[in-house]
Amino acid sequence: APSLPPLASEQEGVDVNDFGGLYSHEGLLDHEQLMMAIYASEGLDFLEVQGKAHSFLKDIGLRPHDLGIKNVDEEGNTMINQCFYLSLARGYLGHEASHADISELALRLKRAIEAAVLAEHPDWAVGGDIGKEAMAFADFLPLAMKACGDEGS
């Protein structure tokens, strides 16, 4: 079977952590600029790919809806990097759900998903990979689904 060429991030001389020229606010990098830099490092045109994604969504009757990155914890403290959980909650509750309902479910999903991830990878709690403002990764969801599902299916 033919193999794919290595990603630009895996090639010598490419440092995807070198985003010093990007705009940041309160210690956060501008997400769109960061995505453009990552796409460029892979030889892709961000705007072209984004246009294709928007066309695909339109073709199937959907549209993007940005819920932001902030949510609040049980004590009312603001947490950032919560877009994954907010998106899951909005997708589950639907377009008529209130922001308060989405926020509440997002927090419950965060706690349940992170508990499943920590059960599988307890060492991640020590390194800060899980917690108040740690960014969720796509790997989190399958771990949580495995924890709730039948191991044999």
N, C-alpha and C. Protein backbone atom coordinates (compact mmCIF):
# COMPACT_ATOMS: atom_id res chain seq x y z
N ALA A 1 0.84 -1.19 0.00
CA ALA A 1 0.00 0.00 0.00
C ALA A 1 0.88 1.24 0.00
N PRO A 2 0.53 2.25 -0.80
CA PRO A 2 1.34 3.47 -0.83
C PRO A 2 1.22 4.22 0.49
N SER A 3 2.30 4.83 0.89
CA SER A 3 2.26 5.59 2.13
C SER A 3 2.17 7.08 1.82
N LEU A 4 1.56 7.80 2.72
CA LEU A 4 1.43 9.24 2.57
C LEU A 4 2.74 9.92 2.93
N PRO A 5 3.03 11.07 2.33
CA PRO A 5 4.24 11.79 2.73
C PRO A 5 4.07 12.30 4.16
N PRO A 6 5.19 12.53 4.85
CA PRO A 6 5.07 13.01 6.23
C PRO A 6 4.44 14.39 6.28
N LEU A 7 3.73 14.65 7.37
CA LEU A 7 3.17 15.98 7.58
C LEU A 7 4.31 16.98 7.70
N ALA A 8 4.03 18.21 7.35
CA ALA A 8 5.06 19.24 7.46
C ALA A 8 5.56 19.35 8.90
N SER A 9 4.66 19.12 9.85
CA SER A 9 5.05 19.20 11.26
C SER A 9 5.99 18.08 11.66
N GLU A 10 6.07 17.00 10.86
CA GLU A 10 6.96 15.89 11.16
C GLU A 10 8.28 16.00 10.41
N GLN A 11 8.40 16.98 9.50
CA GLN A 11 9.61 17.13 8.72
C GLN A 11 10.63 17.97 9.48
N GLU A 12 11.90 17.69 9.20
CA GLU A 12 12.97 18.45 9.85
C GLU A 12 12.86 19.93 9.51
N GLY A 13 13.14 20.76 10.47
CA GLY A 13 13.18 22.20 10.22
C GLY A 13 11.84 22.91 10.40
N VAL A 14 10.75 22.16 10.57
CA VAL A 14 9.44 22.77 10.74
C VAL A 14 9.08 22.73 12.22
N ASP A 15 8.85 23.89 12.81
CA ASP A 15 8.49 23.96 14.21
C ASP A 15 7.11 24.58 14.32
N VAL A 16 6.07 23.73 14.50
CA VAL A 16 4.71 24.24 14.56
C VAL A 16 4.45 25.02 15.84
N ASN A 17 5.38 24.98 16.79
CA ASN A 17 5.23 25.77 18.02
C ASN A 17 5.73 27.20 17.85
N ASP A 18 6.28 27.51 16.68
CA ASP A 18 6.82 28.84 16.45
C ASP A 18 5.73 29.76 15.88
N PHE A 19 4.83 30.19 16.75
CA PHE A 19 3.73 31.06 16.35
C PHE A 19 3.87 32.42 17.02
N GLY A 20 5.11 32.85 17.25
CA GLY A 20 5.37 34.10 17.96
C GLY A 20 4.79 35.34 17.30
N GLY A 21 4.58 35.31 15.98
CA GLY A 21 4.07 36.48 15.27
C GLY A 21 2.56 36.60 15.29
N LEU A 22 1.88 35.67 15.94
CA LEU A 22 0.43 35.69 15.96
C LEU A 22 -0.10 36.64 17.03
N TYR A 23 -1.26 37.21 16.75
CA TYR A 23 -1.93 38.08 17.70
C TYR A 23 -2.39 37.27 18.91
N SER A 24 -2.17 37.79 20.09
CA SER A 24 -2.68 37.13 21.29
C SER A 24 -3.35 38.16 22.19
N HIS A 25 -4.29 37.70 22.97
CA HIS A 25 -5.01 38.55 23.91
C HIS A 25 -5.18 37.74 25.19
N GLU A 26 -4.77 38.30 26.30
CA GLU A 26 -4.85 37.64 27.60
C GLU A 26 -4.22 36.25 27.56
N GLY A 27 -3.11 36.14 26.85
CA GLY A 27 -2.39 34.87 26.78
C GLY A 27 -2.94 33.86 25.80
N LEU A 28 -4.00 34.20 25.08
CA LEU A 28 -4.60 33.29 24.11
C LEU A 28 -4.22 33.71 22.70
N LEU A 29 -3.84 32.75 21.88
CA LEU A 29 -3.55 33.05 20.48
C LEU A 29 -4.85 33.24 19.73
N ASP A 30 -4.82 34.12 18.72
CA ASP A 30 -5.97 34.29 17.84
C ASP A 30 -6.19 32.97 17.11
N HIS A 31 -7.37 32.37 17.30
CA HIS A 31 -7.65 31.04 16.77
C HIS A 31 -7.56 30.99 15.25
N GLU A 32 -8.12 31.97 14.57
CA GLU A 32 -8.11 31.94 13.11
C GLU A 32 -6.68 32.07 12.57
N GLN A 33 -5.89 32.95 13.16
CA GLN A 33 -4.50 33.08 12.73
C GLN A 33 -3.73 31.79 13.00
N LEU A 34 -3.98 31.17 14.14
CA LEU A 34 -3.32 29.93 14.46
C LEU A 34 -3.69 28.85 13.45
N MET A 35 -4.97 28.75 13.12
CA MET A 35 -5.41 27.76 12.14
C MET A 35 -4.78 28.03 10.77
N MET A 36 -4.71 29.29 10.39
CA MET A 36 -4.10 29.63 9.10
C MET A 36 -2.63 29.21 9.07
N ALA A 37 -1.93 29.40 10.18
CA ALA A 37 -0.52 29.02 10.26
C ALA A 37 -0.36 27.51 10.19
N ILE A 38 -1.23 26.78 10.85
CA ILE A 38 -1.16 25.32 10.82
C ILE A 38 -1.45 24.81 9.42
N TYR A 39 -2.49 25.33 8.78
CA TYR A 39 -2.82 24.92 7.41
C TYR A 39 -1.67 25.24 6.47
N ALA A 40 -1.11 26.42 6.61
CA ALA A 40 0.01 26.82 5.74
C ALA A 40 1.20 25.88 5.94
N SER A 41 1.45 25.46 7.18
CA SER A 41 2.56 24.55 7.44
C SER A 41 2.34 23.20 6.77
N GLU A 42 1.09 22.88 6.47
CA GLU A 42 0.77 21.63 5.79
C GLU A 42 0.60 21.83 4.28
N GLY A 43 0.83 23.06 3.80
CA GLY A 43 0.71 23.35 2.37
C GLY A 43 -0.72 23.51 1.91
N LEU A 44 -1.62 23.84 2.82
CA LEU A 44 -3.03 24.01 2.49
C LEU A 44 -3.43 25.47 2.57
N ASP A 45 -4.41 25.85 1.78
CA ASP A 45 -4.96 27.20 1.80
C ASP A 45 -6.16 27.21 2.75
N PHE A 46 -6.00 27.85 3.90
CA PHE A 46 -7.04 27.85 4.93
C PHE A 46 -8.38 28.35 4.39
N LEU A 47 -8.37 29.47 3.68
CA LEU A 47 -9.63 30.05 3.19
C LEU A 47 -10.31 29.14 2.17
N GLU A 48 -9.53 28.46 1.34
CA GLU A 48 -10.10 27.52 0.37
C GLU A 48 -10.76 26.34 1.08
N VAL A 49 -10.06 25.77 2.06
CA VAL A 49 -10.60 24.63 2.80
C VAL A 49 -11.82 25.06 3.60
N GLN A 50 -11.76 26.24 4.21
CA GLN A 50 -12.90 26.75 4.97
C GLN A 50 -14.11 26.95 4.05
N GLY A 51 -13.86 27.47 2.85
CA GLY A 51 -14.94 27.65 1.88
C GLY A 51 -15.59 26.33 1.50
N LYS A 52 -14.79 25.29 1.31
CA LYS A 52 -15.33 23.96 1.00
C LYS A 52 -16.16 23.42 2.16
N ALA A 53 -15.70 23.66 3.37
CA ALA A 53 -16.45 23.20 4.55
C ALA A 53 -17.79 23.92 4.65
N HIS A 54 -17.79 25.23 4.42
CA HIS A 54 -19.05 25.99 4.46
C HIS A 54 -20.00 25.52 3.37
N SER A 55 -19.48 25.24 2.18
CA SER A 55 -20.32 24.73 1.08
C SER A 55 -20.93 23.39 1.44
N PHE A 56 -20.12 22.52 2.04
CA PHE A 56 -20.62 21.21 2.46
C PHE A 56 -21.76 21.37 3.46
N LEU A 57 -21.55 22.20 4.48
CA LEU A 57 -22.59 22.41 5.49
C LEU A 57 -23.87 22.95 4.85
N LYS A 58 -23.71 23.91 3.95
CA LYS A 58 -24.88 24.49 3.27
C LYS A 58 -25.61 23.44 2.46
N ASP A 59 -24.86 22.57 1.77
CA ASP A 59 -25.46 21.52 0.95
C ASP A 59 -26.30 20.56 1.78
N ILE A 60 -25.95 20.33 3.03
CA ILE A 60 -26.73 19.41 3.87
C ILE A 60 -27.67 20.15 4.83
N GLY A 61 -27.83 21.46 4.60
CA GLY A 61 -28.80 22.23 5.37
C GLY A 61 -28.33 22.69 6.74
N LEU A 62 -27.03 22.79 6.94
CA LEU A 62 -26.51 23.24 8.22
C LEU A 62 -25.70 24.51 8.05
N ARG A 63 -25.41 25.15 9.17
CA ARG A 63 -24.56 26.34 9.15
C ARG A 63 -23.75 26.36 10.44
N PRO A 64 -22.58 26.99 10.40
CA PRO A 64 -21.79 27.09 11.63
C PRO A 64 -22.47 28.03 12.63
N HIS A 65 -22.26 27.75 13.88
CA HIS A 65 -22.79 28.61 14.95
C HIS A 65 -21.73 28.68 16.05
N ASP A 66 -21.08 29.80 16.18
CA ASP A 66 -19.99 29.97 17.13
C ASP A 66 -20.54 30.24 18.52
N LEU A 67 -20.24 29.37 19.46
CA LEU A 67 -20.69 29.52 20.84
C LEU A 67 -19.62 30.14 21.73
N GLY A 68 -18.48 30.45 21.15
CA GLY A 68 -17.41 31.05 21.92
C GLY A 68 -16.58 30.00 22.63
N ILE A 69 -15.74 30.47 23.54
CA ILE A 69 -14.81 29.57 24.25
C ILE A 69 -15.02 29.55 25.75
N LYS A 70 -15.95 30.36 26.26
CA LYS A 70 -16.10 30.52 27.71
C LYS A 70 -17.34 29.83 28.25
N ASN A 71 -17.19 29.27 29.43
CA ASN A 71 -18.29 28.73 30.20
C ASN A 71 -17.98 29.01 31.67
N VAL A 72 -18.87 28.64 32.55
CA VAL A 72 -18.64 28.84 33.99
C VAL A 72 -18.71 27.50 34.70
N ASP A 73 -17.95 27.37 35.78
CA ASP A 73 -17.97 26.13 36.56
C ASP A 73 -19.07 26.21 37.61
N GLU A 74 -19.10 25.22 38.48
CA GLU A 74 -20.15 25.12 39.50
C GLU A 74 -20.16 26.31 40.46
N GLU A 75 -19.01 26.96 40.65
CA GLU A 75 -18.92 28.12 41.55
C GLU A 75 -19.07 29.44 40.82
N GLY A 76 -19.33 29.40 39.52
CA GLY A 76 -19.50 30.63 38.75
C GLY A 76 -18.21 31.22 38.22
N ASN A 77 -17.10 30.49 38.35
CA ASN A 77 -15.82 30.96 37.82
C ASN A 77 -15.76 30.74 36.31
N THR A 78 -15.25 31.72 35.60
CA THR A 78 -15.14 31.61 34.14
C THR A 78 -14.03 30.64 33.76
N MET A 79 -14.35 29.76 32.82
CA MET A 79 -13.37 28.82 32.26
C MET A 79 -13.26 29.12 30.76
N ILE A 80 -12.05 29.03 30.23
CA ILE A 80 -11.86 29.20 28.79
C ILE A 80 -11.58 27.84 28.16
N ASN A 81 -11.45 27.81 26.84
CA ASN A 81 -11.21 26.57 26.07
C ASN A 81 -12.36 25.57 26.23
N GLN A 82 -13.57 26.06 26.28
CA GLN A 82 -14.73 25.20 26.49
C GLN A 82 -15.55 24.97 25.22
N CYS A 83 -15.02 25.35 24.06
CA CYS A 83 -15.78 25.27 22.80
C CYS A 83 -16.20 23.84 22.47
N PHE A 84 -15.36 22.85 22.76
CA PHE A 84 -15.71 21.45 22.49
C PHE A 84 -16.98 21.06 23.22
N TYR A 85 -17.04 21.34 24.51
CA TYR A 85 -18.19 20.96 25.33
C TYR A 85 -19.43 21.79 24.97
N LEU A 86 -19.24 23.06 24.70
CA LEU A 86 -20.36 23.91 24.29
C LEU A 86 -20.95 23.43 22.97
N SER A 87 -20.09 23.02 22.05
CA SER A 87 -20.56 22.52 20.75
C SER A 87 -21.34 21.22 20.92
N LEU A 88 -20.82 20.32 21.73
CA LEU A 88 -21.54 19.06 21.97
C LEU A 88 -22.91 19.33 22.59
N ALA A 89 -22.95 20.22 23.56
CA ALA A 89 -24.21 20.53 24.23
C ALA A 89 -25.22 21.15 23.26
N ARG A 90 -24.77 22.09 22.46
CA ARG A 90 -25.67 22.73 21.47
C ARG A 90 -26.16 21.72 20.46
N GLY A 91 -25.27 20.84 20.00
CA GLY A 91 -25.67 19.81 19.05
C GLY A 91 -26.72 18.87 19.64
N TYR A 92 -26.58 18.56 20.89
CA TYR A 92 -27.52 17.65 21.56
C TYR A 92 -28.86 18.34 21.84
N LEU A 93 -28.81 19.58 22.34
CA LEU A 93 -30.04 20.28 22.74
C LEU A 93 -30.78 20.92 21.57
N GLY A 94 -30.07 21.26 20.52
CA GLY A 94 -30.72 21.85 19.35
C GLY A 94 -30.69 23.36 19.36
N HIS A 95 -31.16 23.92 18.25
CA HIS A 95 -31.05 25.37 18.02
C HIS A 95 -31.98 26.22 18.89
N GLU A 96 -32.97 25.62 19.49
CA GLU A 96 -33.89 26.41 20.31
C GLU A 96 -33.49 26.44 21.79
N ALA A 97 -32.43 25.77 22.14
CA ALA A 97 -31.99 25.73 23.53
C ALA A 97 -31.47 27.09 23.98
N SER A 98 -31.72 27.41 25.24
CA SER A 98 -31.22 28.67 25.80
C SER A 98 -29.72 28.56 26.06
N HIS A 99 -29.07 29.70 26.13
CA HIS A 99 -27.64 29.71 26.44
C HIS A 99 -27.38 29.09 27.81
N ALA A 100 -28.27 29.35 28.76
CA ALA A 100 -28.11 28.80 30.11
C ALA A 100 -28.18 27.27 30.08
N ASP A 101 -29.11 26.70 29.31
CA ASP A 101 -29.23 25.25 29.21
C ASP A 101 -28.00 24.65 28.54
N ILE A 102 -27.52 25.32 27.48
CA ILE A 102 -26.33 24.84 26.78
C ILE A 102 -25.13 24.88 27.72
N SER A 103 -24.98 25.97 28.45
CA SER A 103 -23.88 26.13 29.38
C SER A 103 -23.90 25.05 30.45
N GLU A 104 -25.07 24.79 31.01
CA GLU A 104 -25.20 23.79 32.07
C GLU A 104 -24.86 22.39 31.55
N LEU A 105 -25.40 22.03 30.38
CA LEU A 105 -25.12 20.71 29.83
C LEU A 105 -23.65 20.59 29.43
N ALA A 106 -23.07 21.66 28.90
CA ALA A 106 -21.65 21.64 28.53
C ALA A 106 -20.78 21.33 29.75
N LEU A 107 -21.10 21.91 30.88
CA LEU A 107 -20.33 21.64 32.10
C LEU A 107 -20.51 20.19 32.54
N ARG A 108 -21.74 19.68 32.48
CA ARG A 108 -21.98 18.28 32.85
C ARG A 108 -21.24 17.34 31.91
N LEU A 109 -21.24 17.66 30.61
CA LEU A 109 -20.50 16.84 29.64
C LEU A 109 -19.01 16.89 29.92
N LYS A 110 -18.51 18.09 30.22
CA LYS A 110 -17.08 18.25 30.54
C LYS A 110 -16.70 17.34 31.69
N ARG A 111 -17.47 17.38 32.77
CA ARG A 111 -17.16 16.58 33.96
C ARG A 111 -17.23 15.08 33.64
N ALA A 112 -18.25 14.64 32.90
CA ALA A 112 -18.39 13.22 32.57
C ALA A 112 -17.29 12.75 31.63
N ILE A 113 -17.00 13.52 30.61
CA ILE A 113 -15.97 13.15 29.63
C ILE A 113 -14.60 13.13 30.30
N GLU A 114 -14.30 14.16 31.08
CA GLU A 114 -13.00 14.20 31.74
C GLU A 114 -12.84 13.06 32.74
N ALA A 115 -13.92 12.67 33.43
CA ALA A 115 -13.85 11.53 34.36
C ALA A 115 -13.52 10.25 33.61
N ALA A 116 -14.13 10.06 32.43
CA ALA A 116 -13.84 8.87 31.62
C ALA A 116 -12.40 8.89 31.12
N VAL A 117 -11.93 10.05 30.71
CA VAL A 117 -10.55 10.18 30.22
C VAL A 117 -9.57 9.89 31.35
N LEU A 118 -9.83 10.44 32.53
CA LEU A 118 -8.94 10.21 33.67
C LEU A 118 -8.95 8.75 34.13
N ALA A 119 -10.08 8.08 33.97
CA ALA A 119 -10.13 6.66 34.32
C ALA A 119 -9.19 5.87 33.40
N GLU A 120 -9.09 6.28 32.16
CA GLU A 120 -8.22 5.62 31.19
C GLU A 120 -6.77 6.09 31.28
N HIS A 121 -6.58 7.37 31.60
CA HIS A 121 -5.25 7.98 31.65
C HIS A 121 -5.09 8.81 32.93
N PRO A 122 -4.98 8.18 34.10
CA PRO A 122 -4.88 8.95 35.35
C PRO A 122 -3.67 9.88 35.40
N ASP A 123 -2.62 9.55 34.66
CA ASP A 123 -1.42 10.37 34.65
C ASP A 123 -1.66 11.74 34.01
N TRP A 124 -2.71 11.88 33.21
CA TRP A 124 -3.00 13.16 32.57
C TRP A 124 -3.42 14.23 33.57
N ALA A 125 -3.91 13.83 34.73
CA ALA A 125 -4.31 14.81 35.74
C ALA A 125 -3.10 15.55 36.28
N VAL A 126 -1.98 14.87 36.38
CA VAL A 126 -0.77 15.45 36.93
C VAL A 126 -0.17 16.47 35.97
N GLY A 127 -0.20 16.18 34.68
CA GLY A 127 0.43 17.05 33.69
C GLY A 127 -0.40 18.24 33.28
N GLY A 128 -1.61 18.37 33.79
CA GLY A 128 -2.45 19.51 33.43
C GLY A 128 -3.19 19.31 32.12
N ASP A 129 -3.21 18.07 31.60
CA ASP A 129 -3.91 17.80 30.36
C ASP A 129 -5.43 17.80 30.55
N ILE A 130 -5.86 17.68 31.78
CA ILE A 130 -7.28 17.69 32.13
C ILE A 130 -7.46 18.72 33.24
N GLY A 131 -8.56 19.46 33.17
CA GLY A 131 -8.81 20.40 34.26
C GLY A 131 -9.60 21.60 33.82
N LYS A 132 -9.60 22.59 34.69
CA LYS A 132 -10.45 23.76 34.52
C LYS A 132 -10.40 24.35 33.12
N GLU A 133 -9.20 24.67 32.63
CA GLU A 133 -9.11 25.35 31.34
C GLU A 133 -8.29 24.58 30.32
N ALA A 134 -8.02 23.31 30.60
CA ALA A 134 -7.29 22.50 29.63
C ALA A 134 -8.18 22.30 28.41
N MET A 135 -7.58 22.41 27.24
CA MET A 135 -8.33 22.25 26.00
C MET A 135 -8.67 20.78 25.80
N ALA A 136 -9.91 20.51 25.40
CA ALA A 136 -10.32 19.15 25.10
C ALA A 136 -9.74 18.73 23.76
N PHE A 137 -9.52 17.46 23.61
CA PHE A 137 -9.00 16.93 22.36
C PHE A 137 -10.00 15.95 21.79
N ALA A 138 -9.94 15.74 20.49
CA ALA A 138 -10.85 14.82 19.82
C ALA A 138 -10.76 13.42 20.42
N ASP A 139 -9.61 13.06 21.00
CA ASP A 139 -9.45 11.74 21.61
C ASP A 139 -10.35 11.57 22.84
N PHE A 140 -10.77 12.64 23.44
CA PHE A 140 -11.57 12.56 24.65
C PHE A 140 -12.91 11.86 24.41
N LEU A 141 -13.58 12.19 23.33
CA LEU A 141 -14.93 11.69 23.10
C LEU A 141 -14.97 10.17 22.94
N PRO A 142 -14.11 9.56 22.12
CA PRO A 142 -14.14 8.09 22.03
C PRO A 142 -13.87 7.40 23.37
N LEU A 143 -12.99 8.00 24.19
CA LEU A 143 -12.72 7.42 25.51
C LEU A 143 -13.98 7.46 26.37
N ALA A 144 -14.71 8.56 26.30
CA ALA A 144 -15.95 8.69 27.09
C ALA A 144 -17.02 7.75 26.54
N MET A 145 -17.11 7.61 25.24
CA MET A 145 -18.10 6.72 24.64
C MET A 145 -17.78 5.27 24.99
N LYS A 146 -16.52 4.92 25.00
CA LYS A 146 -16.10 3.56 25.37
C LYS A 146 -16.49 3.27 26.82
N ALA A 147 -16.32 4.25 27.68
CA ALA A 147 -16.61 4.08 29.10
C ALA A 147 -18.11 3.82 29.33
N CYS A 148 -18.95 4.38 28.47
CA CYS A 148 -20.40 4.24 28.65
C CYS A 148 -20.98 3.10 27.84
N GLY A 149 -20.23 2.60 26.86
CA GLY A 149 -20.76 1.58 25.95
C GLY A 149 -20.39 0.19 26.35
N ASP A 150 -20.89 -0.75 25.56
CA ASP A 150 -20.60 -2.15 25.74
C ASP A 150 -19.24 -2.42 25.12
N GLU A 151 -18.29 -2.95 25.88
CA GLU A 151 -16.94 -3.21 25.41
C GLU A 151 -16.94 -4.16 24.23
N GLY A 152 -17.93 -5.00 24.10
CA GLY A 152 -17.95 -6.00 23.03
C GLY A 152 -18.52 -5.51 21.74
N SER A 153 -19.05 -4.31 21.69
CA SER A 153 -19.67 -3.85 20.44
C SER A 153 -18.77 -2.96 19.65
